[in-house]
Amino acid sequence: ALYSNANDRRRNAAMVFPKQGWVRFNGLLGSPA
């Protein structure tokens, strides 16, 4: 019921979206930690 209510009381629902999208910089301030 919670899934249906959160999607406009529909019985079927689907979507495509970016779950993650990040960039990471290592070794900041001269330390590999």
PDB file of all heavy atoms in Angstrom:
ATOM      1  N   ALA A   1       0.832  -1.203   0.000  1.00  0.00           N
ATOM      2  CA  ALA A   1       0.000   0.000   0.000  1.00  0.00           C
ATOM      3  C   ALA A   1       0.863   1.247   0.000  1.00  0.00           C
ATOM      4  O   ALA A   1       0.543   2.238  -0.672  1.00  0.00           O
ATOM      5  CB  ALA A   1      -0.920  -0.013   1.212  1.00  0.00           C
ATOM      6  N   LEU A   2       1.969   1.227   0.745  1.00  0.00           N
ATOM      7  CA  LEU A   2       2.850   2.390   0.792  1.00  0.00           C
ATOM      8  C   LEU A   2       3.492   2.652  -0.563  1.00  0.00           C
ATOM      9  O   LEU A   2       3.573   3.811  -1.010  1.00  0.00           O
ATOM     10  CB  LEU A   2       3.926   2.170   1.857  1.00  0.00           C
ATOM     11  CG  LEU A   2       4.858   3.342   2.142  1.00  0.00           C
ATOM     12  CD1 LEU A   2       4.071   4.584   2.513  1.00  0.00           C
ATOM     13  CD2 LEU A   2       5.823   2.979   3.261  1.00  0.00           C
ATOM     14  N   TYR A   3       3.936   1.609  -1.252  1.00  0.00           N
ATOM     15  CA  TYR A   3       4.483   1.777  -2.600  1.00  0.00           C
ATOM     16  C   TYR A   3       3.429   2.381  -3.535  1.00  0.00           C
ATOM     17  O   TYR A   3       3.720   3.304  -4.308  1.00  0.00           O
ATOM     18  CB  TYR A   3       4.942   0.436  -3.167  1.00  0.00           C
ATOM     19  CG  TYR A   3       6.306  -0.020  -2.717  1.00  0.00           C
ATOM     20  CD1 TYR A   3       6.452  -1.071  -1.818  1.00  0.00           C
ATOM     21  CD2 TYR A   3       7.460   0.577  -3.211  1.00  0.00           C
ATOM     22  CE1 TYR A   3       7.702  -1.511  -1.413  1.00  0.00           C
ATOM     23  CE2 TYR A   3       8.715   0.150  -2.813  1.00  0.00           C
ATOM     24  CZ  TYR A   3       8.837  -0.893  -1.908  1.00  0.00           C
ATOM     25  OH  TYR A   3      10.071  -1.320  -1.510  1.00  0.00           O
ATOM     26  N   SER A   4       2.214   1.874  -3.489  1.00  0.00           N
ATOM     27  CA  SER A   4       1.175   2.383  -4.370  1.00  0.00           C
ATOM     28  C   SER A   4       0.864   3.842  -4.067  1.00  0.00           C
ATOM     29  O   SER A   4       0.766   4.680  -4.976  1.00  0.00           O
ATOM     30  CB  SER A   4      -0.092   1.528  -4.234  1.00  0.00           C
ATOM     31  OG  SER A   4      -1.128   2.025  -5.060  1.00  0.00           O
ATOM     32  N   ASN A   5       0.721   4.183  -2.777  1.00  0.00           N
ATOM     33  CA  ASN A   5       0.419   5.561  -2.397  1.00  0.00           C
ATOM     34  C   ASN A   5       1.521   6.519  -2.827  1.00  0.00           C
ATOM     35  O   ASN A   5       1.246   7.657  -3.217  1.00  0.00           O
ATOM     36  CB  ASN A   5       0.206   5.649  -0.892  1.00  0.00           C
ATOM     37  CG  ASN A   5      -1.021   4.903  -0.430  1.00  0.00           C
ATOM     38  OD1 ASN A   5      -1.886   4.544  -1.232  1.00  0.00           O
ATOM     39  ND2 ASN A   5      -1.104   4.644   0.862  1.00  0.00           N
ATOM     40  N   ALA A   6       2.770   6.078  -2.738  1.00  0.00           N
ATOM     41  CA  ALA A   6       3.897   6.937  -3.094  1.00  0.00           C
ATOM     42  C   ALA A   6       4.017   7.153  -4.593  1.00  0.00           C
ATOM     43  O   ALA A   6       4.769   8.028  -5.036  1.00  0.00           O
ATOM     44  CB  ALA A   6       5.203   6.343  -2.554  1.00  0.00           C
ATOM     45  N   ASN A   7       3.296   6.348  -5.377  1.00  0.00           N
ATOM     46  CA  ASN A   7       3.345   6.449  -6.837  1.00  0.00           C
ATOM     47  C   ASN A   7       1.950   6.709  -7.411  1.00  0.00           C
ATOM     48  O   ASN A   7       1.521   6.055  -8.358  1.00  0.00           O
ATOM     49  CB  ASN A   7       3.964   5.169  -7.423  1.00  0.00           C
ATOM     50  CG  ASN A   7       5.413   5.005  -7.042  1.00  0.00           C
ATOM     51  OD1 ASN A   7       6.293   5.621  -7.619  1.00  0.00           O
ATOM     52  ND2 ASN A   7       5.681   4.164  -6.045  1.00  0.00           N
ATOM     53  N   ASP A   8       1.250   7.665  -6.794  1.00  0.00           N
ATOM     54  CA  ASP A   8      -0.041   8.150  -7.284  1.00  0.00           C
ATOM     55  C   ASP A   8      -1.108   7.070  -7.329  1.00  0.00           C
ATOM     56  O   ASP A   8      -1.954   7.059  -8.223  1.00  0.00           O
ATOM     57  CB  ASP A   8       0.114   8.790  -8.672  1.00  0.00           C
ATOM     58  CG  ASP A   8       1.092   9.956  -8.668  1.00  0.00           C
ATOM     59  OD1 ASP A   8       1.085  10.711  -7.683  1.00  0.00           O
ATOM     60  OD2 ASP A   8       1.867  10.080  -9.630  1.00  0.00           O
ATOM     61  N   ARG A   9      -1.053   6.130  -6.368  1.00  0.00           N
ATOM     62  CA  ARG A   9      -2.043   5.059  -6.238  1.00  0.00           C
ATOM     63  C   ARG A   9      -2.108   4.177  -7.476  1.00  0.00           C
ATOM     64  O   ARG A   9      -3.132   3.560  -7.773  1.00  0.00           O
ATOM     65  CB  ARG A   9      -3.439   5.640  -5.943  1.00  0.00           C
ATOM     66  CG  ARG A   9      -3.539   6.434  -4.669  1.00  0.00           C
ATOM     67  CD  ARG A   9      -3.311   5.601  -3.424  1.00  0.00           C
ATOM     68  NE  ARG A   9      -4.394   4.653  -3.178  1.00  0.00           N
ATOM     69  CZ  ARG A   9      -5.451   4.920  -2.411  1.00  0.00           C
ATOM     70  NH1 ARG A   9      -5.575   6.106  -1.846  1.00  0.00           N
ATOM     71  NH2 ARG A   9      -6.380   4.014  -2.203  1.00  0.00           N
ATOM     72  N   ARG A  10      -0.999   4.087  -8.193  1.00  0.00           N
ATOM     73  CA  ARG A  10      -0.966   3.234  -9.380  1.00  0.00           C
ATOM     74  C   ARG A  10      -0.688   1.787  -8.993  1.00  0.00           C
ATOM     75  O   ARG A  10      -0.085   1.499  -7.963  1.00  0.00           O
ATOM     76  CB  ARG A  10       0.116   3.722 -10.345  1.00  0.00           C
ATOM     77  CG  ARG A  10      -0.228   5.006 -11.075  1.00  0.00           C
ATOM     78  CD  ARG A  10       0.910   5.444 -11.977  1.00  0.00           C
ATOM     79  NE  ARG A  10       2.037   5.964 -11.204  1.00  0.00           N
ATOM     80  CZ  ARG A  10       3.224   6.258 -11.724  1.00  0.00           C
ATOM     81  NH1 ARG A  10       3.452   6.045 -13.013  1.00  0.00           N
ATOM     82  NH2 ARG A  10       4.176   6.750 -10.966  1.00  0.00           N
ATOM     83  N   ARG A  11      -1.073   0.871  -9.855  1.00  0.00           N
ATOM     84  CA  ARG A  11      -0.766  -0.544  -9.652  1.00  0.00           C
ATOM     85  C   ARG A  11       0.581  -0.916 -10.270  1.00  0.00           C
ATOM     86  O   ARG A  11       1.215  -1.872  -9.821  1.00  0.00           O
ATOM     87  CB  ARG A  11      -1.873  -1.423 -10.254  1.00  0.00           C
ATOM     88  CG  ARG A  11      -3.178  -1.370  -9.473  1.00  0.00           C
ATOM     89  CD  ARG A  11      -4.210  -2.342 -10.015  1.00  0.00           C
ATOM     90  NE  ARG A  11      -3.725  -3.718 -10.083  1.00  0.00           N
ATOM     91  CZ  ARG A  11      -3.684  -4.561  -9.060  1.00  0.00           C
ATOM     92  NH1 ARG A  11      -4.099  -4.153  -7.860  1.00  0.00           N
ATOM     93  NH2 ARG A  11      -3.251  -5.789  -9.212  1.00  0.00           N
ATOM     94  N   ASN A  12       1.007  -0.190 -11.264  1.00  0.00           N
ATOM     95  CA  ASN A  12       2.292  -0.440 -11.919  1.00  0.00           C
ATOM     96  C   ASN A  12       3.030   0.882 -12.062  1.00  0.00           C
ATOM     97  O   ASN A  12       2.427   1.911 -12.383  1.00  0.00           O
ATOM     98  CB  ASN A  12       2.093  -1.077 -13.295  1.00  0.00           C
ATOM     99  CG  ASN A  12       1.241  -2.335 -13.245  1.00  0.00           C
ATOM    100  OD1 ASN A  12       1.601  -3.317 -12.597  1.00  0.00           O
ATOM    101  ND2 ASN A  12       0.107  -2.318 -13.926  1.00  0.00           N
ATOM    102  N   ALA A  13       4.334   0.858 -11.840  1.00  0.00           N
ATOM    103  CA  ALA A  13       5.125   2.083 -11.945  1.00  0.00           C
ATOM    104  C   ALA A  13       6.569   1.713 -12.269  1.00  0.00           C
ATOM    105  O   ALA A  13       7.068   0.666 -11.843  1.00  0.00           O
ATOM    106  CB  ALA A  13       5.065   2.879 -10.640  1.00  0.00           C
ATOM    107  N   ALA A  14       7.238   2.585 -13.027  1.00  0.00           N
ATOM    108  CA  ALA A  14       8.634   2.359 -13.402  1.00  0.00           C
ATOM    109  C   ALA A  14       9.290   3.702 -13.699  1.00  0.00           C
ATOM    110  O   ALA A  14       8.620   4.693 -14.010  1.00  0.00           O
ATOM    111  CB  ALA A  14       8.737   1.437 -14.614  1.00  0.00           C
ATOM    112  N   MET A  15      10.629   3.732 -13.612  1.00  0.00           N
ATOM    113  CA  MET A  15      11.377   4.956 -13.871  1.00  0.00           C
ATOM    114  C   MET A  15      12.844   4.587 -14.049  1.00  0.00           C
ATOM    115  O   MET A  15      13.305   3.543 -13.569  1.00  0.00           O
ATOM    116  CB  MET A  15      11.213   5.938 -12.708  1.00  0.00           C
ATOM    117  CG  MET A  15      11.939   7.260 -12.861  1.00  0.00           C
ATOM    118  SD  MET A  15      11.321   8.290 -14.196  1.00  0.00           S
ATOM    119  CE  MET A  15       9.759   8.854 -13.492  1.00  0.00           C
ATOM    120  N   VAL A  16      13.594   5.449 -14.754  1.00  0.00           N
ATOM    121  CA  VAL A  16      15.047   5.341 -14.863  1.00  0.00           C
ATOM    122  C   VAL A  16      15.634   6.625 -14.311  1.00  0.00           C
ATOM    123  O   VAL A  16      15.167   7.720 -14.643  1.00  0.00           O
ATOM    124  CB  VAL A  16      15.496   5.140 -16.330  1.00  0.00           C
ATOM    125  CG1 VAL A  16      17.015   5.088 -16.410  1.00  0.00           C
ATOM    126  CG2 VAL A  16      14.883   3.874 -16.907  1.00  0.00           C
ATOM    127  N   PHE A  17      16.639   6.518 -13.445  1.00  0.00           N
ATOM    128  CA  PHE A  17      17.253   7.702 -12.853  1.00  0.00           C
ATOM    129  C   PHE A  17      18.702   7.399 -12.465  1.00  0.00           C
ATOM    130  O   PHE A  17      19.098   6.231 -12.348  1.00  0.00           O
ATOM    131  CB  PHE A  17      16.463   8.161 -11.619  1.00  0.00           C
ATOM    132  CG  PHE A  17      16.467   7.174 -10.473  1.00  0.00           C
ATOM    133  CD1 PHE A  17      17.438   7.223  -9.484  1.00  0.00           C
ATOM    134  CD2 PHE A  17      15.491   6.195 -10.380  1.00  0.00           C
ATOM    135  CE1 PHE A  17      17.452   6.326  -8.437  1.00  0.00           C
ATOM    136  CE2 PHE A  17      15.485   5.285  -9.336  1.00  0.00           C
ATOM    137  CZ  PHE A  17      16.472   5.353  -8.359  1.00  0.00           C
ATOM    138  N   PRO A  18      19.521   8.435 -12.257  1.00  0.00           N
ATOM    139  CA  PRO A  18      20.911   8.228 -11.830  1.00  0.00           C
ATOM    140  C   PRO A  18      20.977   7.900 -10.344  1.00  0.00           C
ATOM    141  O   PRO A  18      20.718   8.746  -9.498  1.00  0.00           O
ATOM    142  CB  PRO A  18      21.587   9.563 -12.147  1.00  0.00           C
ATOM    143  CG  PRO A  18      20.478  10.559 -12.094  1.00  0.00           C
ATOM    144  CD  PRO A  18      19.235   9.846 -12.547  1.00  0.00           C
ATOM    145  N   LYS A  19      21.316   6.665 -10.015  1.00  0.00           N
ATOM    146  CA  LYS A  19      21.430   6.241  -8.624  1.00  0.00           C
ATOM    147  C   LYS A  19      22.706   6.785  -7.986  1.00  0.00           C
ATOM    148  O   LYS A  19      22.718   7.187  -6.819  1.00  0.00           O
ATOM    149  CB  LYS A  19      21.441   4.703  -8.559  1.00  0.00           C
ATOM    150  CG  LYS A  19      21.414   4.146  -7.146  1.00  0.00           C
ATOM    151  CD  LYS A  19      20.072   4.362  -6.499  1.00  0.00           C
ATOM    152  CE  LYS A  19      19.929   3.620  -5.180  1.00  0.00           C
ATOM    153  NZ  LYS A  19      20.880   4.051  -4.147  1.00  0.00           N
ATOM    154  N   GLN A  20      23.803   6.770  -8.739  1.00  0.00           N
ATOM    155  CA  GLN A  20      25.064   7.329  -8.272  1.00  0.00           C
ATOM    156  C   GLN A  20      25.753   8.043  -9.437  1.00  0.00           C
ATOM    157  O   GLN A  20      25.597   7.650 -10.589  1.00  0.00           O
ATOM    158  CB  GLN A  20      25.995   6.255  -7.716  1.00  0.00           C
ATOM    159  CG  GLN A  20      25.467   5.516  -6.500  1.00  0.00           C
ATOM    160  CD  GLN A  20      26.535   4.675  -5.831  1.00  0.00           C
ATOM    161  OE1 GLN A  20      27.390   5.166  -5.109  1.00  0.00           O
ATOM    162  NE2 GLN A  20      26.478   3.372  -6.087  1.00  0.00           N
ATOM    163  N   GLY A  21      26.505   9.052  -9.091  1.00  0.00           N
ATOM    164  CA  GLY A  21      27.308   9.760 -10.067  1.00  0.00           C
ATOM    165  C   GLY A  21      28.308  10.622  -9.322  1.00  0.00           C
ATOM    166  O   GLY A  21      27.995  11.735  -8.909  1.00  0.00           O
ATOM    167  N   TRP A  22      29.491  10.092  -9.086  1.00  0.00           N
ATOM    168  CA  TRP A  22      30.456  10.784  -8.247  1.00  0.00           C
ATOM    169  C   TRP A  22      31.861  10.696  -8.816  1.00  0.00           C
ATOM    170  O   TRP A  22      32.171   9.841  -9.656  1.00  0.00           O
ATOM    171  CB  TRP A  22      30.444  10.236  -6.821  1.00  0.00           C
ATOM    172  CG  TRP A  22      30.597   8.732  -6.697  1.00  0.00           C
ATOM    173  CD1 TRP A  22      29.601   7.828  -6.486  1.00  0.00           C
ATOM    174  CD2 TRP A  22      31.818   7.965  -6.751  1.00  0.00           C
ATOM    175  NE1 TRP A  22      30.102   6.550  -6.423  1.00  0.00           N
ATOM    176  CE2 TRP A  22      31.475   6.606  -6.584  1.00  0.00           C
ATOM    177  CE3 TRP A  22      33.160   8.294  -6.929  1.00  0.00           C
ATOM    178  CZ2 TRP A  22      32.420   5.585  -6.590  1.00  0.00           C
ATOM    179  CZ3 TRP A  22      34.111   7.271  -6.940  1.00  0.00           C
ATOM    180  CH2 TRP A  22      33.729   5.935  -6.766  1.00  0.00           C
ATOM    181  N   VAL A  23      32.708  11.599  -8.335  1.00  0.00           N
ATOM    182  CA  VAL A  23      34.126  11.572  -8.636  1.00  0.00           C
ATOM    183  C   VAL A  23      34.877  11.659  -7.309  1.00  0.00           C
ATOM    184  O   VAL A  23      34.470  12.387  -6.394  1.00  0.00           O
ATOM    185  CB  VAL A  23      34.529  12.737  -9.579  1.00  0.00           C
ATOM    186  CG1 VAL A  23      34.184  14.075  -8.963  1.00  0.00           C
ATOM    187  CG2 VAL A  23      36.010  12.671  -9.932  1.00  0.00           C
ATOM    188  N   ARG A  24      35.955  10.877  -7.181  1.00  0.00           N
ATOM    189  CA  ARG A  24      36.721  10.840  -5.936  1.00  0.00           C
ATOM    190  C   ARG A  24      38.175  11.212  -6.220  1.00  0.00           C
ATOM    191  O   ARG A  24      38.786  10.706  -7.161  1.00  0.00           O
ATOM    192  CB  ARG A  24      36.647   9.461  -5.296  1.00  0.00           C
ATOM    193  CG  ARG A  24      37.465   9.326  -4.007  1.00  0.00           C
ATOM    194  CD  ARG A  24      37.099   8.064  -3.251  1.00  0.00           C
ATOM    195  NE  ARG A  24      37.096   6.894  -4.108  1.00  0.00           N
ATOM    196  CZ  ARG A  24      36.475   5.750  -3.805  1.00  0.00           C
ATOM    197  NH1 ARG A  24      35.807   5.637  -2.679  1.00  0.00           N
ATOM    198  NH2 ARG A  24      36.508   4.722  -4.636  1.00  0.00           N
ATOM    199  N   PHE A  25      38.715  12.077  -5.369  1.00  0.00           N
ATOM    200  CA  PHE A  25      40.105  12.507  -5.464  1.00  0.00           C
ATOM    201  C   PHE A  25      40.873  11.911  -4.285  1.00  0.00           C
ATOM    202  O   PHE A  25      40.519  12.131  -3.120  1.00  0.00           O
ATOM    203  CB  PHE A  25      40.200  14.031  -5.447  1.00  0.00           C
ATOM    204  CG  PHE A  25      39.414  14.689  -6.547  1.00  0.00           C
ATOM    205  CD1 PHE A  25      38.125  15.157  -6.308  1.00  0.00           C
ATOM    206  CD2 PHE A  25      39.936  14.807  -7.822  1.00  0.00           C
ATOM    207  CE1 PHE A  25      37.385  15.756  -7.311  1.00  0.00           C
ATOM    208  CE2 PHE A  25      39.210  15.405  -8.836  1.00  0.00           C
ATOM    209  CZ  PHE A  25      37.934  15.876  -8.581  1.00  0.00           C
ATOM    210  N   ASN A  26      41.927  11.146  -4.596  1.00  0.00           N
ATOM    211  CA  ASN A  26      42.724  10.488  -3.567  1.00  0.00           C
ATOM    212  C   ASN A  26      44.044  11.221  -3.370  1.00  0.00           C
ATOM    213  O   ASN A  26      44.514  11.958  -4.235  1.00  0.00           O
ATOM    214  CB  ASN A  26      42.991   9.030  -3.971  1.00  0.00           C
ATOM    215  CG  ASN A  26      41.714   8.244  -4.163  1.00  0.00           C
ATOM    216  OD1 ASN A  26      40.817   8.291  -3.328  1.00  0.00           O
ATOM    217  ND2 ASN A  26      41.610   7.527  -5.283  1.00  0.00           N
ATOM    218  N   GLY A  27      44.651  10.987  -2.203  1.00  0.00           N
ATOM    219  CA  GLY A  27      45.958  11.578  -1.934  1.00  0.00           C
ATOM    220  C   GLY A  27      45.926  13.070  -1.687  1.00  0.00           C
ATOM    221  O   GLY A  27      46.897  13.782  -2.000  1.00  0.00           O
ATOM    222  N   LEU A  28      44.834  13.571  -1.132  1.00  0.00           N
ATOM    223  CA  LEU A  28      44.722  15.000  -0.862  1.00  0.00           C
ATOM    224  C   LEU A  28      45.707  15.431   0.216  1.00  0.00           C
ATOM    225  O   LEU A  28      46.050  14.654   1.122  1.00  0.00           O
ATOM    226  CB  LEU A  28      43.301  15.348  -0.425  1.00  0.00           C
ATOM    227  CG  LEU A  28      42.189  15.106  -1.453  1.00  0.00           C
ATOM    228  CD1 LEU A  28      40.859  15.513  -0.860  1.00  0.00           C
ATOM    229  CD2 LEU A  28      42.466  15.861  -2.731  1.00  0.00           C
ATOM    230  N   LEU A  29      46.165  16.682   0.137  1.00  0.00           N
ATOM    231  CA  LEU A  29      47.091  17.267   1.099  1.00  0.00           C
ATOM    232  C   LEU A  29      48.366  16.441   1.230  1.00  0.00           C
ATOM    233  O   LEU A  29      49.006  16.412   2.288  1.00  0.00           O
ATOM    234  CB  LEU A  29      46.420  17.411   2.474  1.00  0.00           C
ATOM    235  CG  LEU A  29      45.095  18.211   2.490  1.00  0.00           C
ATOM    236  CD1 LEU A  29      44.481  18.190   3.875  1.00  0.00           C
ATOM    237  CD2 LEU A  29      45.336  19.632   2.018  1.00  0.00           C
ATOM    238  N   GLY A  30      48.715  15.763   0.150  1.00  0.00           N
ATOM    239  CA  GLY A  30      49.967  15.008   0.118  1.00  0.00           C
ATOM    240  C   GLY A  30      49.955  13.710   0.881  1.00  0.00           C
ATOM    241  O   GLY A  30      50.999  13.083   1.062  1.00  0.00           O
ATOM    242  N   SER A  31      48.773  13.242   1.333  1.00  0.00           N
ATOM    243  CA  SER A  31      48.696  12.003   2.112  1.00  0.00           C
ATOM    244  C   SER A  31      47.833  10.982   1.388  1.00  0.00           C
ATOM    245  O   SER A  31      46.689  11.274   1.034  1.00  0.00           O
ATOM    246  CB  SER A  31      48.102  12.275   3.498  1.00  0.00           C
ATOM    247  OG  SER A  31      47.847  11.057   4.183  1.00  0.00           O
ATOM    248  N   PRO A  32      48.328   9.757   1.186  1.00  0.00           N
ATOM    249  CA  PRO A  32      47.517   8.713   0.546  1.00  0.00           C
ATOM    250  C   PRO A  32      46.332   8.283   1.402  1.00  0.00           C
ATOM    251  O   PRO A  32      45.437   7.580   0.919  1.00  0.00           O
ATOM    252  CB  PRO A  32      48.505   7.559   0.357  1.00  0.00           C
ATOM    253  CG  PRO A  32      49.560   7.781   1.404  1.00  0.00           C
ATOM    254  CD  PRO A  32      49.685   9.269   1.540  1.00  0.00           C
ATOM    255  N   ALA A  33      46.294   8.700   2.660  1.00  0.00           N
ATOM    256  CA  ALA A  33      45.202   8.326   3.556  1.00  0.00           C
ATOM    257  C   ALA A  33      43.952   9.159   3.320  1.00  0.00           C
ATOM    258  O   ALA A  33      42.865   8.789   3.783  1.00  0.00           O
ATOM    259  CB  ALA A  33      45.633   8.469   5.012  1.00  0.00           C
TER     260      ALA A  33
END
